[in-house]
N, C-alpha and C. Protein backbone atom coordinates (compact mmCIF):
# COMPACT_ATOMS: atom_id res chain seq x y z
N MET A 1 15.57 -19.73 -42.72
CA MET A 1 14.14 -19.96 -42.46
C MET A 1 13.24 -18.74 -42.34
N ASN A 2 13.70 -17.78 -41.67
CA ASN A 2 12.98 -16.56 -41.54
C ASN A 2 13.04 -15.59 -42.75
N ASP A 3 12.07 -15.36 -43.40
CA ASP A 3 12.08 -14.60 -44.62
C ASP A 3 11.83 -13.07 -44.34
N LEU A 4 11.60 -12.82 -43.05
CA LEU A 4 11.46 -11.36 -42.73
C LEU A 4 12.73 -10.61 -42.62
N PRO A 5 12.72 -9.36 -43.07
CA PRO A 5 13.94 -8.49 -42.94
C PRO A 5 14.18 -8.18 -41.61
N ALA A 6 15.53 -8.05 -41.31
CA ALA A 6 15.94 -7.68 -39.89
C ALA A 6 15.76 -6.23 -39.78
N PRO A 7 15.33 -5.80 -38.62
CA PRO A 7 15.01 -4.31 -38.20
C PRO A 7 16.42 -3.51 -38.38
N ALA A 8 16.22 -2.31 -38.78
CA ALA A 8 17.32 -1.46 -39.03
C ALA A 8 18.12 -1.21 -37.68
N GLN A 9 19.40 -0.94 -37.81
CA GLN A 9 20.25 -0.68 -36.56
C GLN A 9 19.74 0.50 -35.89
N GLY A 10 19.61 0.58 -34.55
CA GLY A 10 19.25 1.68 -33.83
C GLY A 10 17.81 1.84 -33.69
N THR A 11 16.91 0.99 -34.14
CA THR A 11 15.54 1.08 -33.93
C THR A 11 14.98 0.01 -33.15
N THR A 12 14.00 0.24 -32.43
CA THR A 12 13.35 -0.75 -31.63
C THR A 12 12.00 -1.06 -32.09
N PRO A 13 11.70 -2.30 -32.08
CA PRO A 13 10.34 -2.61 -32.61
C PRO A 13 9.27 -1.99 -31.83
N SER A 14 8.18 -1.45 -32.37
CA SER A 14 7.19 -0.73 -31.60
C SER A 14 5.96 -1.70 -31.49
N THR A 15 5.10 -1.44 -30.38
CA THR A 15 3.98 -2.34 -30.23
C THR A 15 2.79 -1.65 -30.98
N SER A 16 1.69 -2.39 -30.98
CA SER A 16 0.46 -1.94 -31.65
C SER A 16 -0.09 -0.67 -30.84
N LYS A 17 0.17 -0.81 -29.54
CA LYS A 17 -0.36 0.38 -28.69
C LYS A 17 0.42 1.64 -29.00
N GLU A 18 1.63 1.57 -29.21
CA GLU A 18 2.46 2.72 -29.59
C GLU A 18 2.10 3.29 -30.94
N LYS A 19 1.71 2.26 -31.92
CA LYS A 19 1.40 2.83 -33.22
C LYS A 19 -0.03 3.41 -33.13
N GLU A 20 -0.90 2.97 -32.39
CA GLU A 20 -2.27 3.57 -32.30
C GLU A 20 -2.09 4.96 -31.62
N ALA A 21 -1.25 5.03 -30.56
CA ALA A 21 -1.03 6.37 -29.98
C ALA A 21 -0.36 7.30 -30.84
N GLY A 22 0.20 6.97 -32.03
CA GLY A 22 0.82 7.95 -32.91
C GLY A 22 2.35 7.78 -32.89
N GLY A 23 2.85 6.67 -32.51
CA GLY A 23 4.31 6.54 -32.47
C GLY A 23 4.92 6.35 -31.12
N VAL A 24 6.16 6.22 -31.12
CA VAL A 24 6.95 6.15 -29.84
C VAL A 24 7.06 7.43 -29.21
N GLY A 25 6.53 7.62 -27.90
CA GLY A 25 6.80 8.77 -27.19
C GLY A 25 5.72 9.88 -27.48
N ALA A 26 4.64 9.46 -28.25
CA ALA A 26 3.58 10.45 -28.51
C ALA A 26 2.73 10.50 -27.24
N GLU A 27 2.30 11.70 -26.85
CA GLU A 27 1.49 11.83 -25.71
C GLU A 27 0.04 12.14 -26.18
N ALA A 28 -0.92 11.43 -25.51
CA ALA A 28 -2.31 11.69 -25.85
C ALA A 28 -2.76 12.93 -25.01
N PRO A 29 -3.49 13.74 -25.76
CA PRO A 29 -4.05 15.00 -25.09
C PRO A 29 -5.27 14.61 -24.14
N PHE A 30 -4.89 14.27 -22.90
CA PHE A 30 -5.84 14.06 -21.89
C PHE A 30 -6.50 15.30 -21.26
N ARG A 31 -7.67 15.27 -20.96
CA ARG A 31 -8.41 16.40 -20.38
C ARG A 31 -8.94 15.85 -18.87
N PRO A 32 -8.95 16.84 -17.99
CA PRO A 32 -9.62 16.38 -16.69
C PRO A 32 -11.00 16.12 -16.77
N VAL A 33 -11.61 15.24 -15.95
CA VAL A 33 -12.91 14.97 -15.94
C VAL A 33 -13.75 16.12 -15.59
N GLY A 34 -14.85 16.46 -16.28
CA GLY A 34 -15.73 17.43 -16.11
C GLY A 34 -15.43 18.72 -16.93
N GLN A 35 -14.44 18.71 -17.68
CA GLN A 35 -14.10 19.81 -18.49
C GLN A 35 -14.80 19.62 -19.83
N GLU A 36 -15.51 20.82 -20.33
CA GLU A 36 -16.29 20.74 -21.53
C GLU A 36 -15.32 20.83 -22.63
N VAL A 37 -15.64 20.03 -23.72
CA VAL A 37 -14.84 19.95 -24.93
C VAL A 37 -15.56 20.65 -26.12
N GLU A 38 -14.84 21.37 -26.96
CA GLU A 38 -15.48 22.00 -28.07
C GLU A 38 -15.26 20.94 -29.31
N VAL A 39 -16.26 20.96 -30.04
CA VAL A 39 -16.15 19.99 -31.21
C VAL A 39 -15.87 20.97 -32.42
N ALA A 40 -14.93 20.55 -33.39
CA ALA A 40 -14.62 21.27 -34.41
C ALA A 40 -15.87 21.33 -35.40
N PRO A 41 -16.09 22.35 -36.22
CA PRO A 41 -17.27 22.52 -37.01
C PRO A 41 -17.43 21.52 -38.06
N GLU A 42 -16.27 20.92 -38.63
CA GLU A 42 -16.56 19.74 -39.52
C GLU A 42 -16.98 18.49 -39.00
N ILE A 43 -16.72 18.25 -37.56
CA ILE A 43 -17.10 17.12 -36.87
C ILE A 43 -18.52 17.39 -36.50
N ALA A 44 -18.87 18.56 -36.08
CA ALA A 44 -20.37 18.91 -35.69
C ALA A 44 -21.31 18.78 -36.80
N SER A 45 -20.74 19.09 -38.04
CA SER A 45 -21.64 18.93 -39.13
C SER A 45 -22.06 17.60 -39.58
N SER A 46 -21.18 16.64 -39.11
CA SER A 46 -21.50 15.26 -39.34
C SER A 46 -22.50 14.63 -38.37
N GLY A 47 -22.85 15.45 -37.40
CA GLY A 47 -23.89 15.01 -36.43
C GLY A 47 -23.28 14.59 -35.03
N VAL A 48 -22.09 14.76 -34.73
CA VAL A 48 -21.44 14.49 -33.50
C VAL A 48 -21.88 15.51 -32.48
N LYS A 49 -22.28 15.12 -31.35
CA LYS A 49 -22.60 16.01 -30.29
C LYS A 49 -21.82 15.72 -28.99
N VAL A 50 -21.61 16.63 -28.26
CA VAL A 50 -20.91 16.55 -27.06
C VAL A 50 -21.96 16.37 -25.87
N GLN A 51 -21.95 15.38 -25.17
CA GLN A 51 -22.91 15.12 -23.93
C GLN A 51 -22.49 16.07 -22.85
N PRO A 52 -23.36 16.77 -22.35
CA PRO A 52 -23.00 17.60 -21.19
C PRO A 52 -22.57 16.85 -19.95
N THR A 53 -21.61 17.37 -19.15
CA THR A 53 -21.20 16.61 -18.01
C THR A 53 -22.12 16.82 -16.74
N THR A 54 -22.93 17.91 -16.82
CA THR A 54 -23.91 18.20 -15.78
C THR A 54 -25.32 18.22 -16.39
N ILE A 55 -26.21 17.76 -15.57
CA ILE A 55 -27.59 17.59 -16.08
C ILE A 55 -28.42 18.59 -15.32
N PRO A 56 -29.08 19.60 -15.88
CA PRO A 56 -29.89 20.57 -15.05
C PRO A 56 -31.05 19.84 -14.46
N ILE A 57 -31.33 20.17 -13.18
CA ILE A 57 -32.49 19.68 -12.48
C ILE A 57 -33.73 20.58 -12.67
N PRO A 58 -34.84 20.04 -13.16
CA PRO A 58 -35.94 20.74 -13.37
C PRO A 58 -36.47 21.55 -12.16
N PRO A 59 -37.08 22.78 -12.38
CA PRO A 59 -37.47 23.56 -11.24
C PRO A 59 -38.47 22.88 -10.18
N PRO A 60 -39.41 21.97 -10.77
CA PRO A 60 -40.17 21.39 -9.76
C PRO A 60 -39.51 20.37 -8.85
N MET A 61 -38.40 19.81 -9.44
CA MET A 61 -37.65 18.94 -8.52
C MET A 61 -36.72 19.63 -7.61
N GLN A 62 -36.27 20.86 -8.00
CA GLN A 62 -35.48 21.65 -7.10
C GLN A 62 -36.37 22.18 -5.96
N ALA A 63 -37.73 22.44 -6.30
CA ALA A 63 -38.69 22.89 -5.31
C ALA A 63 -38.90 21.83 -4.15
N MET A 64 -38.65 20.55 -4.65
CA MET A 64 -38.90 19.51 -3.66
C MET A 64 -37.61 19.25 -2.83
N GLY A 65 -36.58 19.90 -3.13
CA GLY A 65 -35.29 19.81 -2.37
C GLY A 65 -34.24 18.93 -2.98
N VAL A 66 -34.41 18.59 -4.25
CA VAL A 66 -33.37 17.71 -4.94
C VAL A 66 -32.20 18.50 -5.29
N LYS A 67 -30.99 18.12 -4.94
CA LYS A 67 -29.76 18.85 -5.21
C LYS A 67 -28.81 17.98 -6.07
N PRO A 68 -27.98 18.54 -6.94
CA PRO A 68 -27.04 17.82 -7.62
C PRO A 68 -26.02 17.12 -6.84
N ALA A 69 -25.64 15.97 -7.19
CA ALA A 69 -24.51 15.22 -6.53
C ALA A 69 -23.68 14.53 -7.45
N GLY A 70 -22.51 14.17 -7.01
CA GLY A 70 -21.56 13.39 -7.83
C GLY A 70 -20.19 13.99 -7.86
N GLN A 71 -19.30 13.56 -8.67
CA GLN A 71 -17.90 13.94 -8.75
C GLN A 71 -17.85 15.31 -9.45
N ASN A 72 -18.62 15.54 -10.35
CA ASN A 72 -18.51 16.91 -11.20
C ASN A 72 -19.11 18.05 -10.50
N VAL A 73 -19.88 17.91 -9.38
CA VAL A 73 -20.56 19.06 -8.75
C VAL A 73 -19.47 19.66 -7.74
N PRO A 74 -19.15 20.98 -7.98
CA PRO A 74 -18.27 21.70 -7.02
C PRO A 74 -18.87 21.71 -5.69
N GLY A 75 -18.02 21.44 -4.68
CA GLY A 75 -18.46 21.35 -3.29
C GLY A 75 -19.26 20.13 -2.92
N ALA A 76 -19.16 19.12 -3.60
CA ALA A 76 -19.99 17.93 -3.43
C ALA A 76 -19.45 16.97 -2.22
N ALA A 77 -18.26 17.42 -1.82
CA ALA A 77 -17.70 16.53 -0.70
C ALA A 77 -18.58 16.80 0.52
N PRO A 78 -19.02 15.75 1.21
CA PRO A 78 -19.86 15.88 2.25
C PRO A 78 -19.12 16.55 3.49
N ALA A 79 -19.83 17.43 4.13
CA ALA A 79 -19.33 18.07 5.23
C ALA A 79 -19.90 17.49 6.49
N VAL A 80 -18.97 17.19 7.47
CA VAL A 80 -19.34 16.55 8.70
C VAL A 80 -18.96 17.47 9.84
N ALA A 81 -19.93 17.76 10.78
CA ALA A 81 -19.47 18.53 11.98
C ALA A 81 -19.35 17.49 13.09
N LEU A 82 -18.10 17.42 13.61
CA LEU A 82 -17.87 16.53 14.76
C LEU A 82 -17.60 17.42 16.02
N PRO A 83 -17.91 16.81 17.10
CA PRO A 83 -17.73 17.55 18.33
C PRO A 83 -16.23 17.64 18.81
N LEU A 84 -15.37 16.84 18.16
CA LEU A 84 -14.09 16.82 18.47
C LEU A 84 -13.15 17.11 17.21
N SER A 85 -12.10 17.87 17.44
CA SER A 85 -11.07 18.15 16.26
C SER A 85 -10.39 16.88 15.95
N ASP A 86 -9.68 16.91 14.87
CA ASP A 86 -8.95 15.71 14.39
C ASP A 86 -7.90 15.38 15.54
N ASP A 87 -7.11 16.40 16.08
CA ASP A 87 -6.15 16.10 17.13
C ASP A 87 -6.77 15.53 18.30
N GLN A 88 -7.93 16.01 18.68
CA GLN A 88 -8.64 15.41 19.88
C GLN A 88 -9.12 14.04 19.57
N ILE A 89 -9.50 13.72 18.39
CA ILE A 89 -9.85 12.33 18.11
C ILE A 89 -8.72 11.46 18.26
N ALA A 90 -7.61 11.83 17.74
CA ALA A 90 -6.29 11.06 17.87
C ALA A 90 -5.99 10.79 19.19
N LEU A 91 -5.96 11.78 20.04
CA LEU A 91 -5.66 11.65 21.50
C LEU A 91 -6.63 10.83 22.24
N GLY A 92 -7.97 10.96 21.84
CA GLY A 92 -9.04 10.18 22.45
C GLY A 92 -8.93 8.69 22.13
N LEU A 93 -8.38 8.25 20.95
CA LEU A 93 -8.27 6.91 20.58
C LEU A 93 -7.15 6.26 21.41
N LYS A 94 -6.15 7.07 22.01
CA LYS A 94 -5.15 6.50 22.76
C LYS A 94 -5.50 6.31 24.33
N GLN A 95 -6.80 6.77 24.63
CA GLN A 95 -7.24 6.70 26.02
C GLN A 95 -7.73 5.22 26.29
N SER A 96 -7.84 5.09 27.67
CA SER A 96 -8.46 3.71 28.05
C SER A 96 -9.84 3.47 27.54
N ILE A 97 -10.21 2.21 27.34
CA ILE A 97 -11.58 1.97 26.76
C ILE A 97 -12.66 2.24 27.83
N TRP A 98 -12.19 2.52 29.08
CA TRP A 98 -13.27 2.84 30.15
C TRP A 98 -13.58 4.33 30.12
N THR A 99 -13.00 5.18 29.40
CA THR A 99 -13.30 6.61 29.46
C THR A 99 -14.19 6.97 28.31
N SER A 100 -15.11 7.96 28.64
CA SER A 100 -16.06 8.41 27.78
C SER A 100 -15.38 9.08 26.58
N TRP A 101 -14.24 9.72 26.74
CA TRP A 101 -13.48 10.56 25.66
C TRP A 101 -13.16 9.44 24.55
N ARG A 102 -12.70 8.20 24.93
CA ARG A 102 -12.35 7.15 24.00
C ARG A 102 -13.65 6.80 23.19
N TRP A 103 -14.77 6.72 23.74
CA TRP A 103 -15.88 6.29 23.02
C TRP A 103 -16.47 7.39 22.10
N LEU A 104 -16.25 8.62 22.59
CA LEU A 104 -16.65 9.79 21.72
C LEU A 104 -15.70 9.89 20.53
N ALA A 105 -14.36 9.61 20.68
CA ALA A 105 -13.54 9.65 19.54
C ALA A 105 -13.81 8.36 18.69
N GLN A 106 -14.20 7.26 19.10
CA GLN A 106 -14.57 6.10 18.15
C GLN A 106 -15.85 6.52 17.44
N TRP A 107 -16.80 7.18 18.05
CA TRP A 107 -18.02 7.59 17.42
C TRP A 107 -17.70 8.52 16.26
N CYS A 108 -16.70 9.46 16.51
CA CYS A 108 -16.24 10.46 15.47
C CYS A 108 -15.59 9.68 14.37
N VAL A 109 -14.85 8.71 14.61
CA VAL A 109 -14.16 7.92 13.46
C VAL A 109 -15.18 7.14 12.73
N ARG A 110 -16.19 6.62 13.37
CA ARG A 110 -17.35 6.00 12.74
C ARG A 110 -18.08 6.92 11.78
N LYS A 111 -18.31 8.00 12.17
CA LYS A 111 -19.05 9.13 11.36
C LYS A 111 -18.18 9.42 10.27
N LEU A 112 -16.90 9.56 10.33
CA LEU A 112 -15.92 9.87 9.22
C LEU A 112 -15.92 8.62 8.21
N LYS A 113 -16.00 7.37 8.78
CA LYS A 113 -16.04 6.27 7.79
C LYS A 113 -17.24 6.18 7.02
N GLN A 114 -18.39 6.65 7.62
CA GLN A 114 -19.70 6.72 6.84
C GLN A 114 -19.72 7.51 5.69
N ILE A 115 -18.89 8.57 5.73
CA ILE A 115 -18.72 9.47 4.53
C ILE A 115 -17.46 9.16 3.72
N HIS A 116 -16.89 7.87 4.00
CA HIS A 116 -15.72 7.46 3.29
C HIS A 116 -14.42 8.29 3.43
N MET A 117 -14.24 8.76 4.67
CA MET A 117 -13.12 9.57 5.01
C MET A 117 -12.38 8.85 6.17
N GLY A 118 -11.24 9.18 6.51
CA GLY A 118 -10.45 8.69 7.64
C GLY A 118 -9.32 9.67 7.98
N LEU A 119 -8.71 9.41 9.16
CA LEU A 119 -7.62 10.31 9.64
C LEU A 119 -6.34 9.56 9.33
N LYS A 120 -5.41 10.26 8.88
CA LYS A 120 -4.20 9.68 8.53
C LYS A 120 -2.91 10.66 9.06
N ASN A 121 -1.89 10.13 9.67
CA ASN A 121 -0.96 10.91 10.23
C ASN A 121 0.22 11.08 9.01
N ILE A 122 0.35 12.21 8.50
CA ILE A 122 1.19 12.42 7.49
C ILE A 122 2.34 13.45 7.92
N HIS A 123 3.56 13.07 8.13
CA HIS A 123 4.60 13.91 8.57
C HIS A 123 4.18 14.63 9.87
N GLY A 124 3.73 13.90 10.76
CA GLY A 124 3.34 14.48 12.03
C GLY A 124 2.16 15.26 12.21
N ARG A 125 1.35 15.41 11.03
CA ARG A 125 0.08 16.25 10.94
C ARG A 125 -1.06 15.28 10.59
N LEU A 126 -2.09 15.36 11.41
CA LEU A 126 -3.36 14.61 11.05
C LEU A 126 -4.05 15.28 9.92
N THR A 127 -4.35 14.48 8.92
CA THR A 127 -5.17 14.97 7.65
C THR A 127 -6.37 14.11 7.50
N ARG A 128 -7.37 14.59 6.96
CA ARG A 128 -8.53 13.71 6.50
C ARG A 128 -8.28 13.24 5.07
N VAL A 129 -8.55 12.03 4.83
CA VAL A 129 -8.19 11.41 3.48
C VAL A 129 -9.39 10.73 3.04
N ARG A 130 -9.60 10.54 1.70
CA ARG A 130 -10.64 9.76 1.20
C ARG A 130 -10.23 8.32 1.28
N GLN A 131 -11.24 7.36 1.52
CA GLN A 131 -10.91 6.05 1.55
C GLN A 131 -11.84 5.21 0.51
C-alpha cells in the first residue's frame, strides 16, 4: 500500500526544523543581545542596514536630565541604598513582629521588590537575585 521507499539503514528521519537549521547537529551562530553585527559588503550593497542597538539621546534632552535606560545600557541595574545589609535583613525578618527591627527589615524587602530584586539563600550565603 505504501509506495514510499523505506529509509536507509542507520539513518533517522529529520524534521523540518533540522533541515532549516542546516541538518542534524548543525549549530546556529547565536550572538549575545546588544552586540553589533557587521554586514557583508554584498549584502549591504542590496540595501540591507543594521539597526543600532542604542539610540543616541539629543543634547537638549540630555540637558533636561534624560538618561538612557534598558537592558543594553551598561550599569542600568538600579542601585538601592538600604539602611540594613542583606544579612541584617535576614536576621530582622526572624524577629518578633513587635520589634522595630522586623519592620525595618520588611521595609527593606519592599524596596528591593520595587526594583524587582529579592534575597535568596544560596549555599548558606544571601544574594540578591532578579525576580
